[in-house]
């Protein structure tokens, strides 16, 4: 359970099938890292890290003599798809620093 209220107060406990649900600061759902304060910083860091790792492979593939068409396809399938996961949800509310990282 995440509490989006600005003022913290005591909460009534929520039980699911007899088990108490715990309060968390962040969680991952459908590939999105969502924090308690709806900050997208952790999500952007994760996406930038994944994209950087996959860009490294493009350099290696280029050294092996792959054609430009194959490199472009690899970029679109691995890097671009990683960056565009749920972009309509998080990009509009991201910070300028976060956008520069991408």
PDB file of N, CA and C in Angstrom:
ATOM      1  N   UNK A   1       0.845  -1.174   0.000  1.00  0.00           N
ATOM      2  CA  UNK A   1       0.000   0.000   0.000  1.00  0.00           C
ATOM      3  C   UNK A   1       0.887   1.232   0.000  1.00  0.00           C
ATOM      4  N   UNK A   2       0.554   2.198  -0.815  1.00  0.00           N
ATOM      5  CA  UNK A   2       1.288   3.462  -0.850  1.00  0.00           C
ATOM      6  C   UNK A   2       0.320   4.575  -0.488  1.00  0.00           C
ATOM      7  N   UNK A   3       0.766   5.473   0.378  1.00  0.00           N
ATOM      8  CA  UNK A   3      -0.052   6.596   0.823  1.00  0.00           C
ATOM      9  C   UNK A   3       0.392   7.837   0.075  1.00  0.00           C
ATOM     10  N   UNK A   4      -0.485   8.454  -0.713  1.00  0.00           N
ATOM     11  CA  UNK A   4      -0.146   9.622  -1.508  1.00  0.00           C
ATOM     12  C   UNK A   4      -0.513  10.938  -0.828  1.00  0.00           C
ATOM     13  N   UNK A   5      -1.001  10.875   0.393  1.00  0.00           N
ATOM     14  CA  UNK A   5      -1.365  12.104   1.087  1.00  0.00           C
ATOM     15  C   UNK A   5      -0.129  12.850   1.553  1.00  0.00           C
ATOM     16  N   UNK A   6      -0.201  14.180   1.577  1.00  0.00           N
ATOM     17  CA  UNK A   6       0.935  15.007   2.000  1.00  0.00           C
ATOM     18  C   UNK A   6       1.156  14.917   3.506  1.00  0.00           C
ATOM     19  N   UNK A   7       0.102  14.886   4.257  1.00  0.00           N
ATOM     20  CA  UNK A   7       0.202  14.784   5.709  1.00  0.00           C
ATOM     21  C   UNK A   7       0.159  13.323   6.104  1.00  0.00           C
ATOM     22  N   UNK A   8       1.142  12.941   6.876  1.00  0.00           N
ATOM     23  CA  UNK A   8       1.124  11.548   7.324  1.00  0.00           C
ATOM     24  C   UNK A   8       0.302  11.448   8.602  1.00  0.00           C
ATOM     25  N   UNK A   9      -0.439  10.430   8.689  1.00  0.00           N
ATOM     26  CA  UNK A   9      -1.246  10.175   9.873  1.00  0.00           C
ATOM     27  C   UNK A   9      -1.299   8.667  10.082  1.00  0.00           C
ATOM     28  N   UNK A  10      -1.906   8.267  11.156  1.00  0.00           N
ATOM     29  CA  UNK A  10      -2.018   6.832  11.380  1.00  0.00           C
ATOM     30  C   UNK A  10      -3.005   6.251  10.376  1.00  0.00           C
ATOM     31  N   UNK A  11      -2.709   5.093   9.925  1.00  0.00           N
ATOM     32  CA  UNK A  11      -3.538   4.444   8.914  1.00  0.00           C
ATOM     33  C   UNK A  11      -4.233   3.235   9.508  1.00  0.00           C
ATOM     34  N   UNK A  12      -5.382   2.978   9.007  1.00  0.00           N
ATOM     35  CA  UNK A  12      -6.031   1.738   9.395  1.00  0.00           C
ATOM     36  C   UNK A  12      -5.352   0.614   8.633  1.00  0.00           C
ATOM     37  N   UNK A  13      -5.204  -0.488   9.268  1.00  0.00           N
ATOM     38  CA  UNK A  13      -4.530  -1.621   8.649  1.00  0.00           C
ATOM     39  C   UNK A  13      -5.416  -2.244   7.576  1.00  0.00           C
ATOM     40  N   UNK A  14      -4.779  -2.682   6.519  1.00  0.00           N
ATOM     41  CA  UNK A  14      -5.498  -3.335   5.430  1.00  0.00           C
ATOM     42  C   UNK A  14      -5.127  -4.809   5.457  1.00  0.00           C
ATOM     43  N   UNK A  15      -6.123  -5.658   5.401  1.00  0.00           N
ATOM     44  CA  UNK A  15      -5.900  -7.092   5.425  1.00  0.00           C
ATOM     45  C   UNK A  15      -6.389  -7.703   4.133  1.00  0.00           C
ATOM     46  N   UNK A  16      -5.564  -8.579   3.560  1.00  0.00           N
ATOM     47  CA  UNK A  16      -5.933  -9.322   2.369  1.00  0.00           C
ATOM     48  C   UNK A  16      -5.815 -10.801   2.687  1.00  0.00           C
ATOM     49  N   UNK A  17      -6.905 -11.505   2.619  1.00  0.00           N
ATOM     50  CA  UNK A  17      -6.950 -12.937   2.968  1.00  0.00           C
ATOM     51  C   UNK A  17      -6.359 -13.199   4.344  1.00  0.00           C
ATOM     52  N   UNK A  18      -6.635 -12.304   5.273  1.00  0.00           N
ATOM     53  CA  UNK A  18      -6.183 -12.477   6.638  1.00  0.00           C
ATOM     54  C   UNK A  18      -4.759 -12.025   6.912  1.00  0.00           C
ATOM     55  N   UNK A  19      -4.028 -11.611   5.870  1.00  0.00           N
ATOM     56  CA  UNK A  19      -2.646 -11.153   6.042  1.00  0.00           C
ATOM     57  C   UNK A  19      -2.611  -9.629   5.964  1.00  0.00           C
ATOM     58  N   UNK A  20      -1.842  -9.038   6.858  1.00  0.00           N
ATOM     59  CA  UNK A  20      -1.737  -7.581   6.891  1.00  0.00           C
ATOM     60  C   UNK A  20      -0.857  -7.084   5.742  1.00  0.00           C
ATOM     61  N   UNK A  21      -1.315  -6.056   5.032  1.00  0.00           N
ATOM     62  CA  UNK A  21      -0.529  -5.440   3.964  1.00  0.00           C
ATOM     63  C   UNK A  21       0.417  -4.425   4.581  1.00  0.00           C
ATOM     64  N   UNK A  22       1.633  -4.376   4.087  1.00  0.00           N
ATOM     65  CA  UNK A  22       2.617  -3.456   4.647  1.00  0.00           C
ATOM     66  C   UNK A  22       2.755  -2.203   3.791  1.00  0.00           C
ATOM     67  N   UNK A  23       3.203  -1.107   4.415  1.00  0.00           N
ATOM     68  CA  UNK A  23       3.423   0.169   3.733  1.00  0.00           C
ATOM     69  C   UNK A  23       4.824   0.132   3.099  1.00  0.00           C
ATOM     70  N   UNK A  24       4.919   0.486   1.822  1.00  0.00           N
ATOM     71  CA  UNK A  24       6.208   0.463   1.124  1.00  0.00           C
ATOM     72  C   UNK A  24       6.499   1.837   0.545  1.00  0.00           C
ATOM     73  N   UNK A  25       7.793   2.126   0.329  1.00  0.00           N
ATOM     74  CA  UNK A  25       8.184   3.405  -0.273  1.00  0.00           C
ATOM     75  C   UNK A  25       8.133   3.355  -1.791  1.00  0.00           C
ATOM     76  N   UNK A  26       8.362   2.185  -2.364  1.00  0.00           N
ATOM     77  CA  UNK A  26       8.297   2.053  -3.817  1.00  0.00           C
ATOM     78  C   UNK A  26       7.988   0.613  -4.183  1.00  0.00           C
ATOM     79  N   UNK A  27       7.490   0.432  -5.404  1.00  0.00           N
ATOM     80  CA  UNK A  27       7.244  -0.911  -5.908  1.00  0.00           C
ATOM     81  C   UNK A  27       7.323  -0.889  -7.425  1.00  0.00           C
ATOM     82  N   UNK A  28       7.456  -2.072  -7.989  1.00  0.00           N
ATOM     83  CA  UNK A  28       7.558  -2.201  -9.438  1.00  0.00           C
ATOM     84  C   UNK A  28       6.323  -2.913  -9.946  1.00  0.00           C
ATOM     85  N   UNK A  29       5.685  -2.298 -10.928  1.00  0.00           N
ATOM     86  CA  UNK A  29       4.489  -2.878 -11.516  1.00  0.00           C
ATOM     87  C   UNK A  29       4.514  -2.642 -13.020  1.00  0.00           C
ATOM     88  N   UNK A  30       4.377  -3.700 -13.770  1.00  0.00           N
ATOM     89  CA  UNK A  30       4.360  -3.635 -15.237  1.00  0.00           C
ATOM     90  C   UNK A  30       5.575  -2.902 -15.807  1.00  0.00           C
ATOM     91  N   UNK A  31       6.726  -3.079 -15.189  1.00  0.00           N
ATOM     92  CA  UNK A  31       7.950  -2.463 -15.668  1.00  0.00           C
ATOM     93  C   UNK A  31       8.188  -1.049 -15.196  1.00  0.00           C
ATOM     94  N   UNK A  32       7.282  -0.502 -14.404  1.00  0.00           N
ATOM     95  CA  UNK A  32       7.426   0.856 -13.884  1.00  0.00           C
ATOM     96  C   UNK A  32       7.846   0.809 -12.424  1.00  0.00           C
ATOM     97  N   UNK A  33       8.847   1.605 -12.073  1.00  0.00           N
ATOM     98  CA  UNK A  33       9.230   1.781 -10.671  1.00  0.00           C
ATOM     99  C   UNK A  33       8.451   2.983 -10.142  1.00  0.00           C
ATOM    100  N   UNK A  34       7.509   2.738  -9.271  1.00  0.00           N
ATOM    101  CA  UNK A  34       6.646   3.795  -8.753  1.00  0.00           C
ATOM    102  C   UNK A  34       7.013   4.032  -7.292  1.00  0.00           C
ATOM    103  N   UNK A  35       7.307   5.292  -6.955  1.00  0.00           N
ATOM    104  CA  UNK A  35       7.671   5.612  -5.579  1.00  0.00           C
ATOM    105  C   UNK A  35       6.480   6.196  -4.840  1.00  0.00           C
ATOM    106  N   UNK A  36       6.638   6.296  -3.554  1.00  0.00           N
ATOM    107  CA  UNK A  36       5.587   6.816  -2.682  1.00  0.00           C
ATOM    108  C   UNK A  36       5.193   8.240  -3.058  1.00  0.00           C
ATOM    109  N   UNK A  37       6.150   9.036  -3.515  1.00  0.00           N
ATOM    110  CA  UNK A  37       5.900  10.446  -3.841  1.00  0.00           C
ATOM    111  C   UNK A  37       5.712  10.675  -5.335  1.00  0.00           C
ATOM    112  N   UNK A  38       5.513   9.595  -6.088  1.00  0.00           N
ATOM    113  CA  UNK A  38       5.339   9.647  -7.542  1.00  0.00           C
ATOM    114  C   UNK A  38       6.510  10.344  -8.235  1.00  0.00           C
ATOM    115  N   UNK A  39       7.697  10.108  -7.717  1.00  0.00           N
ATOM    116  CA  UNK A  39       8.918  10.600  -8.341  1.00  0.00           C
ATOM    117  C   UNK A  39       9.393   9.530  -9.309  1.00  0.00           C
ATOM    118  N   UNK A  40       9.762   9.934 -10.503  1.00  0.00           N
ATOM    119  CA  UNK A  40      10.167   8.982 -11.526  1.00  0.00           C
ATOM    120  C   UNK A  40      11.681   8.834 -11.601  1.00  0.00           C
ATOM    121  N   UNK A  41      12.406   9.375 -10.627  1.00  0.00           N
ATOM    122  CA  UNK A  41      13.863   9.342 -10.645  1.00  0.00           C
ATOM    123  C   UNK A  41      14.398   7.913 -10.676  1.00  0.00           C
ATOM    124  N   UNK A  42      13.888   7.052  -9.827  1.00  0.00           N
ATOM    125  CA  UNK A  42      14.389   5.676  -9.796  1.00  0.00           C
ATOM    126  C   UNK A  42      14.061   4.940 -11.092  1.00  0.00           C
ATOM    127  N   UNK A  43      12.900   5.221 -11.661  1.00  0.00           N
ATOM    128  CA  UNK A  43      12.529   4.586 -12.929  1.00  0.00           C
ATOM    129  C   UNK A  43      13.465   5.048 -14.051  1.00  0.00           C
ATOM    130  N   UNK A  44      13.750   6.337 -14.098  1.00  0.00           N
ATOM    131  CA  UNK A  44      14.617   6.872 -15.141  1.00  0.00           C
ATOM    132  C   UNK A  44      16.035   6.323 -14.993  1.00  0.00           C
ATOM    133  N   UNK A  45      16.521   6.218 -13.761  1.00  0.00           N
ATOM    134  CA  UNK A  45      17.857   5.637 -13.540  1.00  0.00           C
ATOM    135  C   UNK A  45      17.918   4.200 -14.055  1.00  0.00           C
ATOM    136  N   UNK A  46      16.878   3.440 -13.761  1.00  0.00           N
ATOM    137  CA  UNK A  46      16.834   2.053 -14.209  1.00  0.00           C
ATOM    138  C   UNK A  46      16.801   1.968 -15.732  1.00  0.00           C
ATOM    139  N   UNK A  47      15.965   2.799 -16.365  1.00  0.00           N
ATOM    140  CA  UNK A  47      15.867   2.784 -17.817  1.00  0.00           C
ATOM    141  C   UNK A  47      17.175   3.222 -18.471  1.00  0.00           C
ATOM    142  N   UNK A  48      17.810   4.249 -17.921  1.00  0.00           N
ATOM    143  CA  UNK A  48      19.074   4.732 -18.486  1.00  0.00           C
ATOM    144  C   UNK A  48      20.154   3.660 -18.362  1.00  0.00           C
ATOM    145  N   UNK A  49      20.172   2.949 -17.252  1.00  0.00           N
ATOM    146  CA  UNK A  49      21.154   1.885 -17.056  1.00  0.00           C
ATOM    147  C   UNK A  49      20.940   0.759 -18.064  1.00  0.00           C
ATOM    148  N   UNK A  50      19.706   0.351 -18.254  1.00  0.00           N
ATOM    149  CA  UNK A  50      19.403  -0.708 -19.222  1.00  0.00           C
ATOM    150  C   UNK A  50      19.772  -0.280 -20.641  1.00  0.00           C
ATOM    151  N   UNK A  51      19.424   0.949 -20.987  1.00  0.00           N
ATOM    152  CA  UNK A  51      19.735   1.438 -22.332  1.00  0.00           C
ATOM    153  C   UNK A  51      21.244   1.501 -22.550  1.00  0.00           C
ATOM    154  N   UNK A  52      21.987   1.948 -21.541  1.00  0.00           N
ATOM    155  CA  UNK A  52      23.444   2.032 -21.656  1.00  0.00           C
ATOM    156  C   UNK A  52      24.063   0.655 -21.848  1.00  0.00           C
ATOM    157  N   UNK A  53      23.565  -0.327 -21.130  1.00  0.00           N
ATOM    158  CA  UNK A  53      24.069  -1.689 -21.274  1.00  0.00           C
ATOM    159  C   UNK A  53      23.830  -2.204 -22.683  1.00  0.00           C
ATOM    160  N   UNK A  54      22.689  -1.904 -23.234  1.00  0.00           N
ATOM    161  CA  UNK A  54      22.363  -2.395 -24.574  1.00  0.00           C
ATOM    162  C   UNK A  54      23.082  -1.605 -25.655  1.00  0.00           C
ATOM    163  N   UNK A  55      23.369  -0.333 -25.392  1.00  0.00           N
ATOM    164  CA  UNK A  55      24.163   0.441 -26.355  1.00  0.00           C
ATOM    165  C   UNK A  55      25.583  -0.094 -26.459  1.00  0.00           C
ATOM    166  N   UNK A  56      26.085  -0.643 -25.384  1.00  0.00           N
ATOM    167  CA  UNK A  56      27.412  -1.248 -25.388  1.00  0.00           C
ATOM    168  C   UNK A  56      27.465  -2.400 -26.389  1.00  0.00           C
ATOM    169  N   UNK A  57      26.391  -3.166 -26.474  1.00  0.00           N
ATOM    170  CA  UNK A  57      26.340  -4.273 -27.425  1.00  0.00           C
ATOM    171  C   UNK A  57      26.381  -3.776 -28.872  1.00  0.00           C
ATOM    172  N   UNK A  58      25.802  -2.622 -29.128  1.00  0.00           N
ATOM    173  CA  UNK A  58      25.834  -2.082 -30.485  1.00  0.00           C
ATOM    174  C   UNK A  58      27.274  -1.807 -30.905  1.00  0.00           C
ATOM    175  N   UNK A  59      28.066  -1.261 -29.996  1.00  0.00           N
ATOM    176  CA  UNK A  59      29.480  -1.036 -30.299  1.00  0.00           C
ATOM    177  C   UNK A  59      30.216  -2.330 -30.590  1.00  0.00           C
ATOM    178  N   UNK A  60      29.909  -3.362 -29.832  1.00  0.00           N
ATOM    179  CA  UNK A  60      30.550  -4.662 -30.067  1.00  0.00           C
ATOM    180  C   UNK A  60      30.120  -5.254 -31.396  1.00  0.00           C
ATOM    181  N   UNK A  61      28.828  -5.155 -31.691  1.00  0.00           N
ATOM    182  CA  UNK A  61      28.334  -5.680 -32.966  1.00  0.00           C
ATOM    183  C   UNK A  61      28.967  -4.938 -34.146  1.00  0.00           C
ATOM    184  N   UNK A  62      29.173  -3.641 -33.984  1.00  0.00           N
ATOM    185  CA  UNK A  62      29.792  -2.846 -35.048  1.00  0.00           C
ATOM    186  C   UNK A  62      31.231  -3.308 -35.299  1.00  0.00           C
ATOM    187  N   UNK A  63      31.940  -3.644 -34.218  1.00  0.00           N
ATOM    188  CA  UNK A  63      33.312  -4.143 -34.358  1.00  0.00           C
ATOM    189  C   UNK A  63      33.358  -5.468 -35.117  1.00  0.00           C
ATOM    190  N   UNK A  64      32.290  -6.262 -34.987  1.00  0.00           N
ATOM    191  CA  UNK A  64      32.233  -7.539 -35.699  1.00  0.00           C
ATOM    192  C   UNK A  64      31.790  -7.381 -37.148  1.00  0.00           C
ATOM    193  N   UNK A  65      31.520  -6.149 -37.587  1.00  0.00           N
ATOM    194  CA  UNK A  65      31.201  -5.900 -38.989  1.00  0.00           C
ATOM    195  C   UNK A  65      29.735  -6.043 -39.357  1.00  0.00           C
ATOM    196  N   UNK A  66      28.845  -5.870 -38.400  1.00  0.00           N
ATOM    197  CA  UNK A  66      27.407  -5.948 -38.701  1.00  0.00           C
ATOM    198  C   UNK A  66      27.009  -4.768 -39.585  1.00  0.00           C
ATOM    199  N   UNK A  67      26.038  -5.003 -40.435  1.00  0.00           N
ATOM    200  CA  UNK A  67      25.582  -3.946 -41.341  1.00  0.00           C
ATOM    201  C   UNK A  67      24.806  -2.879 -40.569  1.00  0.00           C
ATOM    202  N   UNK A  68      24.688  -1.714 -41.175  1.00  0.00           N
ATOM    203  CA  UNK A  68      23.961  -0.607 -40.554  1.00  0.00           C
ATOM    204  C   UNK A  68      22.494  -0.968 -40.337  1.00  0.00           C
ATOM    205  N   UNK A  69      21.922  -1.718 -41.265  1.00  0.00           N
ATOM    206  CA  UNK A  69      20.528  -2.145 -41.134  1.00  0.00           C
ATOM    207  C   UNK A  69      20.346  -3.032 -39.901  1.00  0.00           C
ATOM    208  N   UNK A  70      21.265  -3.958 -39.695  1.00  0.00           N
ATOM    209  CA  UNK A  70      21.183  -4.844 -38.529  1.00  0.00           C
ATOM    210  C   UNK A  70      21.378  -4.068 -37.231  1.00  0.00           C
ATOM    211  N   UNK A  71      22.307  -3.111 -37.234  1.00  0.00           N
ATOM    212  CA  UNK A  71      22.529  -2.292 -36.039  1.00  0.00           C
ATOM    213  C   UNK A  71      21.299  -1.448 -35.722  1.00  0.00           C
ATOM    214  N   UNK A  72      20.671  -0.898 -36.759  1.00  0.00           N
ATOM    215  CA  UNK A  72      19.456  -0.104 -36.568  1.00  0.00           C
ATOM    216  C   UNK A  72      18.330  -0.967 -36.009  1.00  0.00           C
ATOM    217  N   UNK A  73      18.179  -2.161 -36.536  1.00  0.00           N
ATOM    218  CA  UNK A  73      17.148  -3.079 -36.033  1.00  0.00           C
ATOM    219  C   UNK A  73      17.411  -3.454 -34.581  1.00  0.00           C
ATOM    220  N   UNK A  74      18.671  -3.715 -34.260  1.00  0.00           N
ATOM    221  CA  UNK A  74      19.012  -4.049 -32.879  1.00  0.00           C
ATOM    222  C   UNK A  74      18.694  -2.877 -31.958  1.00  0.00           C
ATOM    223  N   UNK A  75      19.022  -1.652 -32.386  1.00  0.00           N
ATOM    224  CA  UNK A  75      18.726  -0.469 -31.577  1.00  0.00           C
ATOM    225  C   UNK A  75      17.225  -0.340 -31.330  1.00  0.00           C
ATOM    226  N   UNK A  76      16.453  -0.470 -32.380  1.00  0.00           N
ATOM    227  CA  UNK A  76      14.997  -0.320 -32.240  1.00  0.00           C
ATOM    228  C   UNK A  76      14.388  -1.399 -31.359  1.00  0.00           C
ATOM    229  N   UNK A  77      14.894  -2.607 -31.474  1.00  0.00           N
ATOM    230  CA  UNK A  77      14.329  -3.718 -30.699  1.00  0.00           C
ATOM    231  C   UNK A  77      14.768  -3.713 -29.242  1.00  0.00           C
ATOM    232  N   UNK A  78      15.990  -3.297 -28.976  1.00  0.00           N
ATOM    233  CA  UNK A  78      16.487  -3.420 -27.607  1.00  0.00           C
ATOM    234  C   UNK A  78      16.547  -2.098 -26.853  1.00  0.00           C
ATOM    235  N   UNK A  79      17.089  -1.055 -27.455  1.00  0.00           N
ATOM    236  CA  UNK A  79      17.278   0.212 -26.743  1.00  0.00           C
ATOM    237  C   UNK A  79      16.012   1.062 -26.786  1.00  0.00           C
ATOM    238  N   UNK A  80      15.493   1.288 -27.971  1.00  0.00           N
ATOM    239  CA  UNK A  80      14.313   2.148 -28.116  1.00  0.00           C
ATOM    240  C   UNK A  80      13.105   1.579 -27.396  1.00  0.00           C
ATOM    241  N   UNK A  81      12.929   0.273 -27.469  1.00  0.00           N
ATOM    242  CA  UNK A  81      11.792  -0.341 -26.784  1.00  0.00           C
ATOM    243  C   UNK A  81      11.936  -0.227 -25.265  1.00  0.00           C
ATOM    244  N   UNK A  82      13.172  -0.303 -24.768  1.00  0.00           N
ATOM    245  CA  UNK A  82      13.412  -0.153 -23.335  1.00  0.00           C
ATOM    246  C   UNK A  82      13.049   1.247 -22.859  1.00  0.00           C
ATOM    247  N   UNK A  83      13.436   2.248 -23.626  1.00  0.00           N
ATOM    248  CA  UNK A  83      13.182   3.633 -23.228  1.00  0.00           C
ATOM    249  C   UNK A  83      11.717   4.028 -23.359  1.00  0.00           C
ATOM    250  N   UNK A  84      10.993   3.364 -24.235  1.00  0.00           N
ATOM    251  CA  UNK A  84       9.616   3.787 -24.478  1.00  0.00           C
ATOM    252  C   UNK A  84       8.574   3.003 -23.684  1.00  0.00           C
ATOM    253  N   UNK A  85       9.016   2.148 -22.759  1.00  0.00           N
ATOM    254  CA  UNK A  85       8.054   1.407 -21.926  1.00  0.00           C
ATOM    255  C   UNK A  85       7.258   2.400 -21.080  1.00  0.00           C
ATOM    256  N   UNK A  86       5.956   2.459 -21.289  1.00  0.00           N
ATOM    257  CA  UNK A  86       5.037   3.332 -20.545  1.00  0.00           C
ATOM    258  C   UNK A  86       5.494   4.795 -20.541  1.00  0.00           C
ATOM    259  N   UNK A  87       6.071   5.252 -21.630  1.00  0.00           N
ATOM    260  CA  UNK A  87       6.605   6.625 -21.681  1.00  0.00           C
ATOM    261  C   UNK A  87       5.508   7.666 -21.494  1.00  0.00           C
ATOM    262  N   UNK A  88       4.299   7.362 -21.902  1.00  0.00           N
ATOM    263  CA  UNK A  88       3.211   8.328 -21.727  1.00  0.00           C
ATOM    264  C   UNK A  88       2.860   8.534 -20.260  1.00  0.00           C
ATOM    265  N   UNK A  89       3.194   7.573 -19.424  1.00  0.00           N
ATOM    266  CA  UNK A  89       2.906   7.680 -17.994  1.00  0.00           C
ATOM    267  C   UNK A  89       3.944   8.543 -17.295  1.00  0.00           C
ATOM    268  N   UNK A  90       5.232   8.282 -17.522  1.00  0.00           N
ATOM    269  CA  UNK A  90       6.279   8.900 -16.700  1.00  0.00           C
ATOM    270  C   UNK A  90       6.975  10.102 -17.329  1.00  0.00           C
ATOM    271  N   UNK A  91       7.012  10.235 -18.639  1.00  0.00           N
ATOM    272  CA  UNK A  91       7.823  11.283 -19.249  1.00  0.00           C
ATOM    273  C   UNK A  91       7.291  12.684 -18.932  1.00  0.00           C
ATOM    274  N   UNK A  92       6.001  12.886 -18.954  1.00  0.00           N
ATOM    275  CA  UNK A  92       5.429  14.204 -18.695  1.00  0.00           C
ATOM    276  C   UNK A  92       5.693  14.710 -17.292  1.00  0.00           C
ATOM    277  N   UNK A  93       5.851  13.819 -16.337  1.00  0.00           N
ATOM    278  CA  UNK A  93       6.087  14.208 -14.948  1.00  0.00           C
ATOM    279  C   UNK A  93       7.539  14.067 -14.526  1.00  0.00           C
ATOM    280  N   UNK A  94       8.419  13.755 -15.458  1.00  0.00           N
ATOM    281  CA  UNK A  94       9.833  13.602 -15.105  1.00  0.00           C
ATOM    282  C   UNK A  94      10.510  14.968 -15.027  1.00  0.00           C
ATOM    283  N   UNK A  95      11.614  15.003 -14.301  1.00  0.00           N
ATOM    284  CA  UNK A  95      12.355  16.253 -14.148  1.00  0.00           C
ATOM    285  C   UNK A  95      13.228  16.499 -15.382  1.00  0.00           C
ATOM    286  N   UNK A  96      13.699  17.715 -15.520  1.00  0.00           N
ATOM    287  CA  UNK A  96      14.573  18.055 -16.636  1.00  0.00           C
ATOM    288  C   UNK A  96      15.879  17.267 -16.547  1.00  0.00           C
ATOM    289  N   UNK A  97      16.394  17.093 -15.336  1.00  0.00           N
ATOM    290  CA  UNK A  97      17.619  16.305 -15.148  1.00  0.00           C
ATOM    291  C   UNK A  97      17.401  14.860 -15.582  1.00  0.00           C
ATOM    292  N   UNK A  98      16.253  14.322 -15.261  1.00  0.00           N
ATOM    293  CA  UNK A  98      15.936  12.959 -15.655  1.00  0.00           C
ATOM    294  C   UNK A  98      15.855  12.814 -17.160  1.00  0.00           C
ATOM    295  N   UNK A  99      15.272  13.792 -17.813  1.00  0.00           N
ATOM    296  CA  UNK A  99      15.157  13.753 -19.278  1.00  0.00           C
ATOM    297  C   UNK A  99      16.529  13.845 -19.926  1.00  0.00           C
ATOM    298  N   UNK A 100      17.421  14.623 -19.331  1.00  0.00           N
ATOM    299  CA  UNK A 100      18.783  14.746 -19.887  1.00  0.00           C
ATOM    300  C   UNK A 100      19.542  13.439 -19.767  1.00  0.00           C
ATOM    301  N   UNK A 101      19.282  12.663 -18.715  1.00  0.00           N
ATOM    302  CA  UNK A 101      19.953  11.376 -18.559  1.00  0.00           C
ATOM    303  C   UNK A 101      19.614  10.439 -19.694  1.00  0.00           C
ATOM    304  N   UNK A 102      18.387  10.547 -20.172  1.00  0.00           N
ATOM    305  CA  UNK A 102      17.958   9.657 -21.248  1.00  0.00           C
ATOM    306  C   UNK A 102      18.476  10.164 -22.571  1.00  0.00           C
TER     307      UNK A 102
END
